[in-house]
Amino acid sequence: MLLIWLPWRAADAAPPSLLHEGWRARGRFLAVHLGAACLYSLLHVVLMVAMRHGVYALLGEVYDYGPPIERFVYELRKDMLSYALFIGVFWGVRSLREARETPLRPVSFDIRDGTRLIRAPLGDILAATSAGNYVEFVLADGRRPLMRVTLAAVEGELARFGFVRTHRGWLVNAARMTGLRPEGSGDWTVELGALEAPLSRRYSEALERLRAA
């Protein structure tokens, strides 16, 4: 069970999505899986040798493992394949589970501007910005309807569909981003066509998500 638990934990700690998140994330991916694979092989060899010593002792014989380094390298090559197989199975099962649990992307979002209802396609919403007790939605056609709601509530509705909080007062549609411009001191500007939104250095996760979008 321990030999199965180890690659399962490694698959959870370093998912394949890390390969799309920059060199640091890729380095973490390689370090986790190389370390886990070596530990997996070491545990396998230790358990195998211990069991063989026990069986040979019951038969009144002595088990000779052979040159330890050469034997370990030989077993490591085989264990790399079984480790990769376990990892592939775990990721495959997780992908199927996530596919079943992922909600269907809505085609529109209802903006209640006073007594008026605006059913805006998600792709037409460039950004949402806090305006006192309201949220102002910036639409692709130039309209800026207001809705009495908090930006946090809007983020809760739209974050899973690609909207990213870049500033305490801004939420942007990553799919509509056309550029990123550094402003110094760690701050950035998100270009959404003619619209520009601030990206605070406090929202480093948002920067990574937008770069990967």
Protein backbone atom coordinates (compact mmCIF):
# COMPACT_ATOMS: atom_id res chain seq x y z
CA MET A 1 0.00 0.00 0.00
CA LEU A 2 2.89 2.36 0.78
CA LEU A 3 4.26 1.89 -2.74
CA ILE A 4 0.90 2.93 -4.21
CA TRP A 5 0.43 5.82 -1.76
CA LEU A 6 3.75 7.45 -2.70
CA PRO A 7 3.04 8.05 -6.43
CA TRP A 8 -0.54 9.03 -5.55
CA ARG A 9 0.74 11.78 -3.24
CA ALA A 10 3.32 12.86 -5.83
CA ALA A 11 0.61 13.05 -8.52
CA ASP A 12 -1.36 15.34 -6.22
CA ALA A 13 1.65 17.52 -5.28
CA ALA A 14 2.89 17.98 -8.86
CA PRO A 15 0.05 17.81 -11.41
CA PRO A 16 0.79 18.13 -15.15
CA SER A 17 -0.64 21.68 -15.10
CA LEU A 18 2.67 22.81 -13.56
CA LEU A 19 4.31 22.25 -16.94
CA HIS A 20 2.38 25.27 -18.27
CA GLU A 21 3.24 27.69 -15.44
CA GLY A 22 6.84 28.77 -16.04
CA TRP A 23 10.31 27.40 -15.34
CA ARG A 24 10.01 27.44 -11.56
CA ALA A 25 6.85 25.34 -11.68
CA ARG A 26 8.43 22.96 -14.21
CA GLY A 27 11.46 22.58 -11.95
CA ARG A 28 9.17 21.72 -9.06
CA PHE A 29 7.38 19.16 -11.22
CA LEU A 30 10.64 17.42 -12.16
CA ALA A 31 12.05 17.56 -8.62
CA VAL A 32 8.91 16.07 -7.06
CA HIS A 33 8.61 13.21 -9.52
CA LEU A 34 12.31 12.36 -9.75
CA GLY A 35 12.56 12.33 -5.96
CA ALA A 36 9.37 10.34 -5.56
CA ALA A 37 10.42 7.82 -8.24
CA CYS A 38 13.81 7.24 -6.57
CA LEU A 39 12.17 6.84 -3.16
CA TYR A 40 9.56 4.52 -4.68
CA SER A 41 12.32 2.34 -6.15
CA LEU A 42 14.34 2.36 -2.92
CA LEU A 43 11.33 1.24 -0.88
CA HIS A 44 10.53 -1.43 -3.44
CA VAL A 45 14.09 -2.80 -3.35
CA VAL A 46 14.24 -2.75 0.47
CA LEU A 47 10.93 -4.60 0.77
CA MET A 48 11.88 -7.08 -1.95
CA VAL A 49 15.28 -7.86 -0.38
CA ALA A 50 13.76 -8.18 3.11
CA MET A 51 11.14 -10.64 1.85
CA ARG A 52 13.71 -12.70 -0.02
CA HIS A 53 16.00 -12.82 3.01
CA GLY A 54 13.03 -14.09 5.04
CA VAL A 55 12.08 -16.77 2.52
CA TYR A 56 15.67 -17.95 2.11
CA ALA A 57 16.11 -18.06 5.90
CA LEU A 58 13.05 -20.32 6.21
CA LEU A 59 14.64 -22.63 3.66
CA GLY A 60 17.93 -22.60 5.56
CA GLU A 61 19.75 -20.70 2.84
CA VAL A 62 21.39 -17.27 2.50
CA TYR A 63 20.15 -14.77 -0.06
CA ASP A 64 22.83 -12.89 -2.02
CA TYR A 65 21.53 -9.60 -3.45
CA GLY A 66 24.67 -8.99 -5.49
CA PRO A 67 26.50 -5.68 -6.14
CA PRO A 68 24.14 -3.17 -4.47
CA ILE A 69 24.69 -0.21 -6.79
CA GLU A 70 24.41 -2.20 -10.01
CA ARG A 71 21.36 -4.05 -8.76
CA PHE A 72 19.68 -0.84 -7.60
CA VAL A 73 20.25 0.86 -10.98
CA TYR A 74 18.77 -2.21 -12.67
CA GLU A 75 15.69 -2.17 -10.41
CA LEU A 76 15.39 1.63 -10.73
CA ARG A 77 14.94 1.40 -14.51
CA LYS A 78 12.08 -1.06 -14.07
CA ASP A 79 10.54 0.90 -11.19
CA MET A 80 10.54 4.11 -13.25
CA LEU A 81 8.15 2.41 -15.67
CA SER A 82 5.81 1.16 -12.94
CA TYR A 83 5.92 4.60 -11.23
CA ALA A 84 5.02 6.30 -14.52
CA LEU A 85 2.17 3.81 -14.99
CA PHE A 86 0.75 4.59 -11.54
CA ILE A 87 1.05 8.34 -12.15
CA GLY A 88 -0.67 8.03 -15.52
CA VAL A 89 -3.56 6.07 -14.00
CA PHE A 90 -4.00 8.58 -11.15
CA TRP A 91 -4.01 11.55 -13.54
CA GLY A 92 -6.39 9.79 -15.90
CA VAL A 93 -8.87 9.04 -13.12
CA ARG A 94 -8.62 12.61 -11.83
CA SER A 95 -9.20 14.06 -15.31
CA LEU A 96 -12.33 11.96 -15.77
CA ARG A 97 -13.62 13.00 -12.35
CA GLU A 98 -12.97 16.70 -13.01
CA ALA A 99 -14.65 16.44 -16.41
CA ARG A 100 -17.80 15.11 -14.73
CA GLU A 101 -17.72 17.79 -12.03
CA THR A 102 -16.94 20.80 -14.26
CA PRO A 103 -20.08 22.89 -14.67
CA LEU A 104 -21.20 23.88 -18.14
CA ARG A 105 -19.99 27.35 -19.06
CA PRO A 106 -22.92 29.74 -19.17
CA VAL A 107 -23.28 31.72 -22.38
CA SER A 108 -24.35 34.90 -20.62
CA PHE A 109 -24.45 36.77 -17.32
CA ASP A 110 -27.47 38.71 -16.09
CA ILE A 111 -26.68 42.31 -15.13
CA ARG A 112 -29.49 43.97 -13.20
CA ASP A 113 -29.09 47.69 -13.86
CA GLY A 114 -31.83 49.12 -11.67
CA THR A 115 -35.11 47.69 -12.95
CA ARG A 116 -33.52 46.78 -16.27
CA LEU A 117 -32.07 43.34 -17.03
CA ILE A 118 -29.12 43.10 -19.41
CA ARG A 119 -28.24 39.57 -20.49
CA ALA A 120 -24.61 40.04 -21.52
CA PRO A 121 -22.66 37.25 -23.26
CA LEU A 122 -19.63 36.37 -21.16
CA GLY A 123 -17.31 37.10 -24.05
CA ASP A 124 -18.68 40.66 -24.25
CA ILE A 125 -17.77 41.47 -20.63
CA LEU A 126 -14.27 42.95 -20.68
CA ALA A 127 -14.06 43.74 -16.99
CA ALA A 128 -15.97 44.61 -13.85
CA THR A 129 -14.89 47.35 -11.48
CA SER A 130 -16.02 48.41 -8.04
CA ALA A 131 -18.00 51.66 -7.87
CA GLY A 132 -19.04 52.24 -4.27
CA ASN A 133 -21.99 50.00 -3.48
CA TYR A 134 -22.19 49.02 -7.15
CA VAL A 135 -20.18 47.12 -9.72
CA GLU A 136 -19.69 48.67 -13.13
CA PHE A 137 -19.47 46.21 -16.01
CA VAL A 138 -17.40 47.28 -19.01
CA LEU A 139 -18.93 45.73 -22.14
CA ALA A 140 -17.31 45.33 -25.54
CA ASP A 141 -19.89 47.61 -27.19
CA GLY A 142 -18.96 50.49 -24.86
CA ARG A 143 -21.87 50.20 -22.43
CA ARG A 144 -21.11 50.41 -18.71
CA PRO A 145 -24.16 49.18 -16.79
CA LEU A 146 -24.19 49.31 -12.99
CA MET A 147 -25.41 46.57 -10.69
CA ARG A 148 -25.94 46.90 -6.95
CA VAL A 149 -23.69 44.07 -5.78
CA THR A 150 -20.20 43.61 -4.35
CA LEU A 151 -17.24 42.83 -6.59
CA ALA A 152 -16.49 39.81 -4.38
CA ALA A 153 -19.94 38.39 -5.19
CA VAL A 154 -19.40 38.88 -8.92
CA GLU A 155 -15.98 37.24 -8.63
CA GLY A 156 -17.61 34.27 -6.92
CA GLU A 157 -19.92 33.88 -9.92
CA LEU A 158 -17.39 34.41 -12.70
CA ALA A 159 -13.95 33.33 -11.42
CA ARG A 160 -14.40 29.72 -12.53
CA PHE A 161 -15.16 30.93 -16.06
CA GLY A 162 -11.88 32.77 -16.62
CA PHE A 163 -12.42 36.09 -14.83
CA VAL A 164 -9.40 37.11 -12.76
CA ARG A 165 -9.17 39.55 -9.83
CA THR A 166 -6.23 41.84 -10.65
CA HIS A 167 -6.84 44.59 -8.11
CA ARG A 168 -9.07 45.11 -5.12
CA GLY A 169 -11.37 47.07 -7.41
CA TRP A 170 -10.97 45.19 -10.71
CA LEU A 171 -12.02 41.86 -12.20
CA VAL A 172 -10.96 41.17 -15.80
CA ASN A 173 -11.94 38.63 -18.45
CA ALA A 174 -8.70 36.75 -19.18
CA ALA A 175 -10.06 35.60 -22.55
CA ARG A 176 -10.26 39.25 -23.71
CA MET A 177 -6.73 40.21 -22.66
CA THR A 178 -4.64 41.59 -25.54
CA GLY A 179 -1.48 42.49 -23.63
CA LEU A 180 0.38 42.97 -20.35
CA ARG A 181 2.51 46.04 -19.69
CA PRO A 182 4.88 46.45 -16.71
CA GLU A 183 4.51 49.70 -14.79
CA GLY A 184 7.44 49.37 -12.36
CA SER A 185 7.54 48.41 -8.67
CA GLY A 186 5.91 45.09 -9.57
CA ASP A 187 2.63 46.58 -10.86
CA TRP A 188 1.27 45.86 -14.34
CA THR A 189 -1.40 47.11 -16.71
CA VAL A 190 -3.77 44.62 -18.34
CA GLU A 191 -4.70 45.63 -21.88
CA LEU A 192 -8.17 44.61 -22.99
CA GLY A 193 -8.28 46.23 -26.40
CA ALA A 194 -8.74 49.95 -25.76
CA LEU A 195 -9.50 49.32 -22.08
CA GLU A 196 -6.70 49.25 -19.54
CA ALA A 197 -7.05 47.69 -16.07
CA PRO A 198 -4.53 47.79 -13.20
CA LEU A 199 -2.81 44.64 -11.96
CA SER A 200 -1.44 45.14 -8.45
CA ARG A 201 1.78 43.43 -7.38
CA ARG A 202 -0.25 42.01 -4.47
CA TYR A 203 -2.07 39.81 -7.00
CA SER A 204 0.91 37.76 -8.19
CA GLU A 205 -1.33 34.72 -8.78
CA ALA A 206 -3.41 36.78 -11.20
CA LEU A 207 -0.28 37.65 -13.17
CA GLU A 208 0.62 33.97 -13.53
CA ARG A 209 -2.92 33.07 -14.62
CA LEU A 210 -3.03 35.83 -17.21
CA ARG A 211 0.36 34.85 -18.61
CA ALA A 212 -0.85 31.27 -18.95
CA ALA A 213 -4.20 32.26 -20.49
